Amino acid sequence: MSNGAFVHLCIDMQEMFKQPTPWHVPWMAQVADTVVEVAERLSDKTIFTRFIPPRRPDEIWGMWRSYYEKWPMMTGEHLEPELLDLVPELRRLVPPARIFDKATYSPWFDGSLDWMLKGERVSNLVVTGGETDVCVLAAVLGAVDLGYHVVVLSDAVCSGADETHDASLEVLGERLSVQVEICRTEAFLSSL
Protein backbone atom coordinates (compact mmCIF):
# COMPACT_ATOMS: atom_id res chain seq x y z
CA MET A 1 0.00 0.00 0.00
CA SER A 2 1.25 3.50 -0.76
CA ASN A 3 2.02 5.99 1.98
CA GLY A 4 -0.87 7.84 3.58
CA ALA A 5 -3.94 7.11 5.63
CA PHE A 6 -6.30 4.32 4.63
CA VAL A 7 -9.91 3.34 5.11
CA HIS A 8 -11.53 -0.08 4.85
CA LEU A 9 -14.51 0.38 2.51
CA CYS A 10 -16.86 -2.58 2.96
CA ILE A 11 -19.44 -2.67 0.20
CA ASP A 12 -23.10 -3.62 0.79
CA MET A 13 -22.87 -6.52 3.23
CA GLN A 14 -26.60 -6.25 3.88
CA GLU A 15 -29.39 -8.58 4.89
CA MET A 16 -31.16 -8.14 1.52
CA PHE A 17 -28.21 -9.85 -0.17
CA LYS A 18 -27.81 -12.49 2.54
CA GLN A 19 -31.49 -13.47 2.84
CA PRO A 20 -33.51 -15.33 0.15
CA THR A 21 -34.62 -12.21 -1.75
CA PRO A 22 -34.48 -11.82 -5.56
CA TRP A 23 -31.08 -10.18 -4.98
CA HIS A 24 -29.69 -13.00 -2.82
CA VAL A 25 -25.92 -13.52 -3.20
CA PRO A 26 -25.25 -17.11 -2.09
CA TRP A 27 -21.50 -16.59 -2.19
CA MET A 28 -21.72 -13.90 0.51
CA ALA A 29 -21.71 -16.63 3.16
CA GLN A 30 -18.34 -17.89 1.88
CA VAL A 31 -16.58 -14.53 2.41
CA ALA A 32 -18.49 -13.35 5.49
CA ASP A 33 -15.98 -14.59 8.07
CA THR A 34 -13.10 -12.97 6.20
CA VAL A 35 -14.96 -9.66 5.86
CA VAL A 36 -15.79 -9.75 9.57
CA GLU A 37 -12.13 -10.44 10.41
CA VAL A 38 -11.02 -7.37 8.43
CA ALA A 39 -13.78 -5.16 9.85
CA GLU A 40 -13.07 -6.25 13.43
CA ARG A 41 -9.37 -5.62 13.02
CA LEU A 42 -9.97 -2.24 11.38
CA SER A 43 -13.26 -1.18 12.98
CA ASP A 44 -12.10 2.39 13.61
CA LYS A 45 -11.07 2.64 9.94
CA THR A 46 -14.13 0.93 8.45
CA ILE A 47 -16.94 2.50 6.44
CA PHE A 48 -19.81 0.19 5.53
CA THR A 49 -21.80 1.20 2.46
CA ARG A 50 -25.46 0.28 2.21
CA PHE A 51 -27.39 0.18 -1.06
CA ILE A 52 -30.72 1.88 -0.35
CA PRO A 53 -33.46 1.48 -2.99
CA PRO A 54 -36.08 4.21 -3.47
CA ARG A 55 -39.51 3.86 -1.91
CA ARG A 56 -41.11 3.49 -5.36
CA PRO A 57 -39.75 3.32 -8.93
CA ASP A 58 -41.29 6.70 -9.83
CA GLU A 59 -39.13 8.39 -7.16
CA ILE A 60 -35.93 7.81 -9.12
CA TRP A 61 -34.67 9.07 -12.47
CA GLY A 62 -33.57 7.69 -15.81
CA MET A 63 -32.78 4.03 -16.28
CA TRP A 64 -32.90 3.52 -12.51
CA ARG A 65 -36.66 3.88 -12.85
CA SER A 66 -36.68 1.04 -15.40
CA TYR A 67 -34.43 -0.98 -13.13
CA TYR A 68 -36.86 -0.71 -10.22
CA GLU A 69 -39.84 -1.32 -12.48
CA LYS A 70 -38.14 -4.70 -13.11
CA TRP A 71 -37.51 -5.20 -9.35
CA PRO A 72 -40.52 -3.52 -7.64
CA MET A 73 -40.38 -6.04 -4.78
CA MET A 74 -37.00 -4.57 -3.85
CA THR A 75 -38.27 -1.02 -3.37
CA GLY A 76 -38.95 0.56 0.01
CA GLU A 77 -42.70 0.14 -0.18
CA HIS A 78 -42.34 -3.68 -0.44
CA LEU A 79 -39.01 -4.45 1.22
CA GLU A 80 -38.90 -5.16 4.95
CA PRO A 81 -36.81 -2.30 6.45
CA GLU A 82 -34.55 -4.68 8.38
CA LEU A 83 -33.33 -6.13 5.07
CA LEU A 84 -31.51 -2.83 4.44
CA ASP A 85 -29.42 -3.35 7.58
CA LEU A 86 -25.88 -4.64 7.62
CA VAL A 87 -25.55 -8.29 8.54
CA PRO A 88 -25.52 -8.56 12.38
CA GLU A 89 -21.85 -9.59 12.57
CA LEU A 90 -20.91 -6.24 11.02
CA ARG A 91 -23.69 -4.07 12.45
CA ARG A 92 -22.29 -4.63 15.96
CA LEU A 93 -19.07 -2.84 14.91
CA VAL A 94 -20.90 0.49 14.41
CA PRO A 95 -19.56 2.58 16.09
CA PRO A 96 -16.61 2.97 15.79
CA ALA A 97 -17.17 1.83 12.20
CA ARG A 98 -19.35 4.16 10.14
CA ILE A 99 -22.20 3.66 7.67
CA PHE A 100 -22.50 5.43 4.32
CA ASP A 101 -25.82 5.03 2.47
CA LYS A 102 -25.95 5.25 -1.31
CA ALA A 103 -28.68 5.06 -3.93
CA THR A 104 -26.51 3.85 -6.82
CA TYR A 105 -23.89 1.17 -7.37
CA SER A 106 -21.12 3.70 -6.77
CA PRO A 107 -20.62 5.38 -3.39
CA TRP A 108 -18.97 8.33 -5.16
CA PHE A 109 -22.02 9.64 -7.03
CA ASP A 110 -22.85 12.72 -4.93
CA GLY A 111 -19.26 13.53 -3.93
CA SER A 112 -19.85 13.43 -0.17
CA LEU A 113 -17.78 10.29 0.51
CA ASP A 114 -14.82 11.69 -1.43
CA TRP A 115 -15.13 15.02 0.36
CA MET A 116 -15.20 13.28 3.75
CA LEU A 117 -12.21 11.03 3.00
CA LYS A 118 -10.10 13.81 1.53
CA GLY A 119 -10.91 15.86 4.65
CA GLU A 120 -9.45 12.97 6.68
CA ARG A 121 -6.41 12.87 4.36
CA VAL A 122 -7.23 9.33 3.23
CA SER A 123 -5.38 8.31 0.08
CA ASN A 124 -5.72 4.52 0.25
CA LEU A 125 -8.76 2.25 0.31
CA VAL A 126 -9.00 -1.41 1.23
CA VAL A 127 -12.13 -2.86 -0.36
CA THR A 128 -14.24 -5.85 0.67
CA GLY A 129 -17.89 -6.83 0.16
CA GLY A 130 -20.19 -7.47 -2.74
CA GLU A 131 -20.82 -7.79 -5.53
CA THR A 132 -17.40 -7.87 -7.17
CA ASP A 133 -18.77 -7.27 -10.65
CA VAL A 134 -21.32 -4.57 -9.75
CA CYS A 135 -21.04 -2.37 -6.62
CA VAL A 136 -17.45 -3.33 -5.75
CA LEU A 137 -16.40 -2.68 -9.34
CA ALA A 138 -18.20 0.70 -9.35
CA ALA A 139 -16.58 1.65 -6.04
CA VAL A 140 -13.09 0.70 -7.22
CA LEU A 141 -13.37 2.42 -10.62
CA GLY A 142 -14.74 5.57 -9.00
CA ALA A 143 -11.93 5.53 -6.42
CA VAL A 144 -9.35 5.19 -9.20
CA ASP A 145 -10.89 8.14 -11.05
CA LEU A 146 -10.67 10.21 -7.85
CA GLY A 147 -7.00 9.35 -7.35
CA TYR A 148 -7.12 6.81 -4.54
CA HIS A 149 -4.83 3.81 -4.33
CA VAL A 150 -7.05 0.73 -3.90
CA VAL A 151 -6.35 -2.70 -2.43
CA VAL A 152 -9.04 -5.28 -3.21
CA LEU A 153 -8.99 -8.29 -0.90
CA SER A 154 -9.75 -11.07 -3.37
CA ASP A 155 -10.96 -13.53 -0.74
CA ALA A 156 -13.21 -10.92 0.90
CA VAL A 157 -15.28 -9.93 -2.14
CA CYS A 158 -18.13 -11.94 -3.61
CA SER A 159 -20.55 -12.13 -6.48
CA GLY A 160 -23.50 -14.12 -7.66
CA ALA A 161 -21.57 -15.07 -10.81
CA ASP A 162 -18.13 -16.71 -10.67
CA GLU A 163 -17.19 -15.86 -14.25
CA THR A 164 -17.75 -12.11 -13.95
CA HIS A 165 -16.23 -12.06 -10.43
CA ASP A 166 -13.05 -13.60 -11.81
CA ALA A 167 -13.06 -11.33 -14.87
CA SER A 168 -13.53 -8.22 -12.72
CA LEU A 169 -10.57 -9.09 -10.50
CA GLU A 170 -8.47 -9.85 -13.57
CA VAL A 171 -9.30 -6.52 -15.23
CA LEU A 172 -8.69 -4.56 -12.03
CA GLY A 173 -5.42 -6.32 -11.27
CA GLU A 174 -3.99 -6.30 -14.77
CA ARG A 175 -5.34 -3.21 -16.53
CA LEU A 176 -5.25 -0.94 -13.48
CA SER A 177 -2.17 -2.39 -11.76
CA VAL A 178 -0.66 1.02 -10.99
CA GLN A 179 -3.75 2.11 -9.07
CA VAL A 180 -5.22 -1.19 -7.85
CA GLU A 181 -3.64 -4.08 -5.96
CA ILE A 182 -5.35 -7.44 -5.66
CA CYS A 183 -4.22 -9.44 -2.64
CA ARG A 184 -5.37 -11.99 -0.11
CA THR A 185 -6.60 -10.91 3.31
CA GLU A 186 -3.93 -12.76 5.26
CA ALA A 187 -1.14 -11.04 3.32
CA PHE A 188 -2.75 -7.63 3.78
CA LEU A 189 -3.39 -8.00 7.50
CA SER A 190 0.11 -9.32 8.12
CA SER A 191 1.53 -6.22 6.41
CA LEU A 192 -0.11 -3.85 8.92
C-alpha atoms as a PDB file:
ATOM      1  CA  MET A   1       0.000   0.000   0.000  1.00  0.00           C
ATOM      2  CA  SER A   2       1.251   3.496  -0.763  1.00  0.00           C
ATOM      3  CA  ASN A   3       2.023   5.994   1.981  1.00  0.00           C
ATOM      4  CA  GLY A   4      -0.868   7.840   3.575  1.00  0.00           C
ATOM      5  CA  ALA A   5      -3.941   7.114   5.630  1.00  0.00           C
ATOM      6  CA  PHE A   6      -6.301   4.324   4.630  1.00  0.00           C
ATOM      7  CA  VAL A   7      -9.914   3.340   5.107  1.00  0.00           C
ATOM      8  CA  HIS A   8     -11.532  -0.077   4.851  1.00  0.00           C
ATOM      9  CA  LEU A   9     -14.514   0.381   2.515  1.00  0.00           C
ATOM     10  CA  CYS A  10     -16.857  -2.578   2.965  1.00  0.00           C
ATOM     11  CA  ILE A  11     -19.445  -2.669   0.203  1.00  0.00           C
ATOM     12  CA  ASP A  12     -23.102  -3.615   0.792  1.00  0.00           C
ATOM     13  CA  MET A  13     -22.870  -6.519   3.225  1.00  0.00           C
ATOM     14  CA  GLN A  14     -26.598  -6.251   3.885  1.00  0.00           C
ATOM     15  CA  GLU A  15     -29.394  -8.580   4.887  1.00  0.00           C
ATOM     16  CA  MET A  16     -31.159  -8.135   1.517  1.00  0.00           C
ATOM     17  CA  PHE A  17     -28.214  -9.846  -0.170  1.00  0.00           C
ATOM     18  CA  LYS A  18     -27.814 -12.494   2.541  1.00  0.00           C
ATOM     19  CA  GLN A  19     -31.490 -13.474   2.843  1.00  0.00           C
ATOM     20  CA  PRO A  20     -33.509 -15.326   0.154  1.00  0.00           C
ATOM     21  CA  THR A  21     -34.624 -12.214  -1.753  1.00  0.00           C
ATOM     22  CA  PRO A  22     -34.483 -11.817  -5.557  1.00  0.00           C
ATOM     23  CA  TRP A  23     -31.075 -10.178  -4.982  1.00  0.00           C
ATOM     24  CA  HIS A  24     -29.692 -13.001  -2.819  1.00  0.00           C
ATOM     25  CA  VAL A  25     -25.922 -13.521  -3.203  1.00  0.00           C
ATOM     26  CA  PRO A  26     -25.252 -17.111  -2.086  1.00  0.00           C
ATOM     27  CA  TRP A  27     -21.500 -16.589  -2.190  1.00  0.00           C
ATOM     28  CA  MET A  28     -21.719 -13.897   0.514  1.00  0.00           C
ATOM     29  CA  ALA A  29     -21.713 -16.628   3.163  1.00  0.00           C
ATOM     30  CA  GLN A  30     -18.344 -17.889   1.878  1.00  0.00           C
ATOM     31  CA  VAL A  31     -16.580 -14.534   2.410  1.00  0.00           C
ATOM     32  CA  ALA A  32     -18.493 -13.350   5.491  1.00  0.00           C
ATOM     33  CA  ASP A  33     -15.977 -14.587   8.071  1.00  0.00           C
ATOM     34  CA  THR A  34     -13.100 -12.966   6.201  1.00  0.00           C
ATOM     35  CA  VAL A  35     -14.958  -9.658   5.855  1.00  0.00           C
ATOM     36  CA  VAL A  36     -15.790  -9.753   9.571  1.00  0.00           C
ATOM     37  CA  GLU A  37     -12.128 -10.437  10.405  1.00  0.00           C
ATOM     38  CA  VAL A  38     -11.018  -7.372   8.433  1.00  0.00           C
ATOM     39  CA  ALA A  39     -13.781  -5.163   9.847  1.00  0.00           C
ATOM     40  CA  GLU A  40     -13.068  -6.254  13.431  1.00  0.00           C
ATOM     41  CA  ARG A  41      -9.365  -5.620  13.024  1.00  0.00           C
ATOM     42  CA  LEU A  42      -9.970  -2.239  11.376  1.00  0.00           C
ATOM     43  CA  SER A  43     -13.263  -1.185  12.983  1.00  0.00           C
ATOM     44  CA  ASP A  44     -12.103   2.387  13.607  1.00  0.00           C
ATOM     45  CA  LYS A  45     -11.071   2.641   9.939  1.00  0.00           C
ATOM     46  CA  THR A  46     -14.129   0.930   8.447  1.00  0.00           C
ATOM     47  CA  ILE A  47     -16.936   2.496   6.437  1.00  0.00           C
ATOM     48  CA  PHE A  48     -19.809   0.194   5.527  1.00  0.00           C
ATOM     49  CA  THR A  49     -21.797   1.198   2.463  1.00  0.00           C
ATOM     50  CA  ARG A  50     -25.461   0.281   2.210  1.00  0.00           C
ATOM     51  CA  PHE A  51     -27.387   0.176  -1.063  1.00  0.00           C
ATOM     52  CA  ILE A  52     -30.719   1.880  -0.351  1.00  0.00           C
ATOM     53  CA  PRO A  53     -33.462   1.485  -2.995  1.00  0.00           C
ATOM     54  CA  PRO A  54     -36.079   4.208  -3.471  1.00  0.00           C
ATOM     55  CA  ARG A  55     -39.509   3.858  -1.907  1.00  0.00           C
ATOM     56  CA  ARG A  56     -41.111   3.490  -5.358  1.00  0.00           C
ATOM     57  CA  PRO A  57     -39.751   3.317  -8.933  1.00  0.00           C
ATOM     58  CA  ASP A  58     -41.286   6.698  -9.826  1.00  0.00           C
ATOM     59  CA  GLU A  59     -39.126   8.388  -7.164  1.00  0.00           C
ATOM     60  CA  ILE A  60     -35.926   7.807  -9.122  1.00  0.00           C
ATOM     61  CA  TRP A  61     -34.668   9.068 -12.472  1.00  0.00           C
ATOM     62  CA  GLY A  62     -33.568   7.689 -15.809  1.00  0.00           C
ATOM     63  CA  MET A  63     -32.778   4.033 -16.279  1.00  0.00           C
ATOM     64  CA  TRP A  64     -32.899   3.524 -12.512  1.00  0.00           C
ATOM     65  CA  ARG A  65     -36.663   3.881 -12.854  1.00  0.00           C
ATOM     66  CA  SER A  66     -36.680   1.042 -15.404  1.00  0.00           C
ATOM     67  CA  TYR A  67     -34.426  -0.979 -13.131  1.00  0.00           C
ATOM     68  CA  TYR A  68     -36.863  -0.709 -10.220  1.00  0.00           C
ATOM     69  CA  GLU A  69     -39.837  -1.324 -12.475  1.00  0.00           C
ATOM     70  CA  LYS A  70     -38.140  -4.696 -13.113  1.00  0.00           C
ATOM     71  CA  TRP A  71     -37.515  -5.198  -9.349  1.00  0.00           C
ATOM     72  CA  PRO A  72     -40.520  -3.519  -7.638  1.00  0.00           C
ATOM     73  CA  MET A  73     -40.384  -6.042  -4.785  1.00  0.00           C
ATOM     74  CA  MET A  74     -36.995  -4.573  -3.846  1.00  0.00           C
ATOM     75  CA  THR A  75     -38.268  -1.022  -3.367  1.00  0.00           C
ATOM     76  CA  GLY A  76     -38.947   0.557   0.005  1.00  0.00           C
ATOM     77  CA  GLU A  77     -42.701   0.138  -0.180  1.00  0.00           C
ATOM     78  CA  HIS A  78     -42.337  -3.677  -0.441  1.00  0.00           C
ATOM     79  CA  LEU A  79     -39.006  -4.451   1.221  1.00  0.00           C
ATOM     80  CA  GLU A  80     -38.895  -5.163   4.946  1.00  0.00           C
ATOM     81  CA  PRO A  81     -36.811  -2.301   6.451  1.00  0.00           C
ATOM     82  CA  GLU A  82     -34.547  -4.684   8.385  1.00  0.00           C
ATOM     83  CA  LEU A  83     -33.332  -6.131   5.066  1.00  0.00           C
ATOM     84  CA  LEU A  84     -31.514  -2.829   4.438  1.00  0.00           C
ATOM     85  CA  ASP A  85     -29.418  -3.352   7.577  1.00  0.00           C
ATOM     86  CA  LEU A  86     -25.883  -4.641   7.617  1.00  0.00           C
ATOM     87  CA  VAL A  87     -25.552  -8.290   8.540  1.00  0.00           C
ATOM     88  CA  PRO A  88     -25.519  -8.560  12.376  1.00  0.00           C
ATOM     89  CA  GLU A  89     -21.854  -9.594  12.567  1.00  0.00           C
ATOM     90  CA  LEU A  90     -20.910  -6.236  11.025  1.00  0.00           C
ATOM     91  CA  ARG A  91     -23.692  -4.070  12.453  1.00  0.00           C
ATOM     92  CA  ARG A  92     -22.290  -4.632  15.958  1.00  0.00           C
ATOM     93  CA  LEU A  93     -19.068  -2.838  14.907  1.00  0.00           C
ATOM     94  CA  VAL A  94     -20.901   0.485  14.412  1.00  0.00           C
ATOM     95  CA  PRO A  95     -19.556   2.580  16.088  1.00  0.00           C
ATOM     96  CA  PRO A  96     -16.609   2.973  15.795  1.00  0.00           C
ATOM     97  CA  ALA A  97     -17.169   1.832  12.201  1.00  0.00           C
ATOM     98  CA  ARG A  98     -19.350   4.163  10.138  1.00  0.00           C
ATOM     99  CA  ILE A  99     -22.202   3.662   7.669  1.00  0.00           C
ATOM    100  CA  PHE A 100     -22.503   5.428   4.318  1.00  0.00           C
ATOM    101  CA  ASP A 101     -25.818   5.034   2.470  1.00  0.00           C
ATOM    102  CA  LYS A 102     -25.954   5.246  -1.312  1.00  0.00           C
ATOM    103  CA  ALA A 103     -28.684   5.060  -3.935  1.00  0.00           C
ATOM    104  CA  THR A 104     -26.513   3.848  -6.817  1.00  0.00           C
ATOM    105  CA  TYR A 105     -23.886   1.173  -7.366  1.00  0.00           C
ATOM    106  CA  SER A 106     -21.117   3.700  -6.765  1.00  0.00           C
ATOM    107  CA  PRO A 107     -20.619   5.375  -3.391  1.00  0.00           C
ATOM    108  CA  TRP A 108     -18.972   8.327  -5.158  1.00  0.00           C
ATOM    109  CA  PHE A 109     -22.018   9.644  -7.028  1.00  0.00           C
ATOM    110  CA  ASP A 110     -22.849  12.716  -4.930  1.00  0.00           C
ATOM    111  CA  GLY A 111     -19.259  13.535  -3.932  1.00  0.00           C
ATOM    112  CA  SER A 112     -19.849  13.426  -0.174  1.00  0.00           C
ATOM    113  CA  LEU A 113     -17.782  10.292   0.506  1.00  0.00           C
ATOM    114  CA  ASP A 114     -14.821  11.687  -1.427  1.00  0.00           C
ATOM    115  CA  TRP A 115     -15.133  15.024   0.359  1.00  0.00           C
ATOM    116  CA  MET A 116     -15.197  13.280   3.753  1.00  0.00           C
ATOM    117  CA  LEU A 117     -12.211  11.026   2.999  1.00  0.00           C
ATOM    118  CA  LYS A 118     -10.097  13.806   1.533  1.00  0.00           C
ATOM    119  CA  GLY A 119     -10.907  15.864   4.646  1.00  0.00           C
ATOM    120  CA  GLU A 120      -9.453  12.973   6.678  1.00  0.00           C
ATOM    121  CA  ARG A 121      -6.413  12.865   4.357  1.00  0.00           C
ATOM    122  CA  VAL A 122      -7.233   9.331   3.228  1.00  0.00           C
ATOM    123  CA  SER A 123      -5.376   8.312   0.079  1.00  0.00           C
ATOM    124  CA  ASN A 124      -5.718   4.519   0.251  1.00  0.00           C
ATOM    125  CA  LEU A 125      -8.758   2.249   0.307  1.00  0.00           C
ATOM    126  CA  VAL A 126      -8.996  -1.411   1.233  1.00  0.00           C
ATOM    127  CA  VAL A 127     -12.125  -2.863  -0.364  1.00  0.00           C
ATOM    128  CA  THR A 128     -14.243  -5.854   0.671  1.00  0.00           C
ATOM    129  CA  GLY A 129     -17.887  -6.832   0.163  1.00  0.00           C
ATOM    130  CA  GLY A 130     -20.189  -7.474  -2.743  1.00  0.00           C
ATOM    131  CA  GLU A 131     -20.817  -7.794  -5.526  1.00  0.00           C
ATOM    132  CA  THR A 132     -17.402  -7.868  -7.166  1.00  0.00           C
ATOM    133  CA  ASP A 133     -18.767  -7.268 -10.655  1.00  0.00           C
ATOM    134  CA  VAL A 134     -21.319  -4.570  -9.747  1.00  0.00           C
ATOM    135  CA  CYS A 135     -21.043  -2.371  -6.625  1.00  0.00           C
ATOM    136  CA  VAL A 136     -17.452  -3.328  -5.750  1.00  0.00           C
ATOM    137  CA  LEU A 137     -16.404  -2.676  -9.343  1.00  0.00           C
ATOM    138  CA  ALA A 138     -18.201   0.700  -9.355  1.00  0.00           C
ATOM    139  CA  ALA A 139     -16.577   1.646  -6.037  1.00  0.00           C
ATOM    140  CA  VAL A 140     -13.092   0.698  -7.223  1.00  0.00           C
ATOM    141  CA  LEU A 141     -13.374   2.416 -10.617  1.00  0.00           C
ATOM    142  CA  GLY A 142     -14.737   5.572  -8.995  1.00  0.00           C
ATOM    143  CA  ALA A 143     -11.932   5.534  -6.423  1.00  0.00           C
ATOM    144  CA  VAL A 144      -9.350   5.189  -9.198  1.00  0.00           C
ATOM    145  CA  ASP A 145     -10.890   8.144 -11.045  1.00  0.00           C
ATOM    146  CA  LEU A 146     -10.672  10.206  -7.846  1.00  0.00           C
ATOM    147  CA  GLY A 147      -7.001   9.354  -7.347  1.00  0.00           C
ATOM    148  CA  TYR A 148      -7.121   6.809  -4.536  1.00  0.00           C
ATOM    149  CA  HIS A 149      -4.832   3.811  -4.328  1.00  0.00           C
ATOM    150  CA  VAL A 150      -7.048   0.726  -3.903  1.00  0.00           C
ATOM    151  CA  VAL A 151      -6.353  -2.697  -2.433  1.00  0.00           C
ATOM    152  CA  VAL A 152      -9.042  -5.280  -3.207  1.00  0.00           C
ATOM    153  CA  LEU A 153      -8.986  -8.285  -0.902  1.00  0.00           C
ATOM    154  CA  SER A 154      -9.754 -11.071  -3.369  1.00  0.00           C
ATOM    155  CA  ASP A 155     -10.958 -13.533  -0.737  1.00  0.00           C
ATOM    156  CA  ALA A 156     -13.212 -10.919   0.898  1.00  0.00           C
ATOM    157  CA  VAL A 157     -15.280  -9.928  -2.140  1.00  0.00           C
ATOM    158  CA  CYS A 158     -18.128 -11.937  -3.606  1.00  0.00           C
ATOM    159  CA  SER A 159     -20.547 -12.134  -6.482  1.00  0.00           C
ATOM    160  CA  GLY A 160     -23.502 -14.123  -7.661  1.00  0.00           C
ATOM    161  CA  ALA A 161     -21.569 -15.073 -10.807  1.00  0.00           C
ATOM    162  CA  ASP A 162     -18.133 -16.714 -10.671  1.00  0.00           C
ATOM    163  CA  GLU A 163     -17.191 -15.863 -14.255  1.00  0.00           C
ATOM    164  CA  THR A 164     -17.747 -12.114 -13.946  1.00  0.00           C
ATOM    165  CA  HIS A 165     -16.231 -12.062 -10.430  1.00  0.00           C
ATOM    166  CA  ASP A 166     -13.046 -13.597 -11.813  1.00  0.00           C
ATOM    167  CA  ALA A 167     -13.063 -11.328 -14.871  1.00  0.00           C
ATOM    168  CA  SER A 168     -13.528  -8.220 -12.720  1.00  0.00           C
ATOM    169  CA  LEU A 169     -10.571  -9.093 -10.496  1.00  0.00           C
ATOM    170  CA  GLU A 170      -8.473  -9.846 -13.566  1.00  0.00           C
ATOM    171  CA  VAL A 171      -9.299  -6.524 -15.229  1.00  0.00           C
ATOM    172  CA  LEU A 172      -8.688  -4.558 -12.035  1.00  0.00           C
ATOM    173  CA  GLY A 173      -5.423  -6.323 -11.267  1.00  0.00           C
ATOM    174  CA  GLU A 174      -3.992  -6.302 -14.771  1.00  0.00           C
ATOM    175  CA  ARG A 175      -5.338  -3.214 -16.535  1.00  0.00           C
ATOM    176  CA  LEU A 176      -5.249  -0.940 -13.480  1.00  0.00           C
ATOM    177  CA  SER A 177      -2.175  -2.390 -11.764  1.00  0.00           C
ATOM    178  CA  VAL A 178      -0.657   1.023 -10.994  1.00  0.00           C
ATOM    179  CA  GLN A 179      -3.754   2.111  -9.067  1.00  0.00           C
ATOM    180  CA  VAL A 180      -5.220  -1.186  -7.850  1.00  0.00           C
ATOM    181  CA  GLU A 181      -3.641  -4.082  -5.962  1.00  0.00           C
ATOM    182  CA  ILE A 182      -5.345  -7.444  -5.656  1.00  0.00           C
ATOM    183  CA  CYS A 183      -4.218  -9.436  -2.642  1.00  0.00           C
ATOM    184  CA  ARG A 184      -5.369 -11.988  -0.108  1.00  0.00           C
ATOM    185  CA  THR A 185      -6.604 -10.914   3.308  1.00  0.00           C
ATOM    186  CA  GLU A 186      -3.931 -12.761   5.261  1.00  0.00           C
ATOM    187  CA  ALA A 187      -1.141 -11.037   3.321  1.00  0.00           C
ATOM    188  CA  PHE A 188      -2.754  -7.632   3.777  1.00  0.00           C
ATOM    189  CA  LEU A 189      -3.390  -8.004   7.498  1.00  0.00           C
ATOM    190  CA  SER A 190       0.114  -9.315   8.125  1.00  0.00           C
ATOM    191  CA  SER A 191       1.527  -6.216   6.409  1.00  0.00           C
ATOM    192  CA  LEU A 192      -0.109  -3.851   8.915  1.00  0.00           C
END
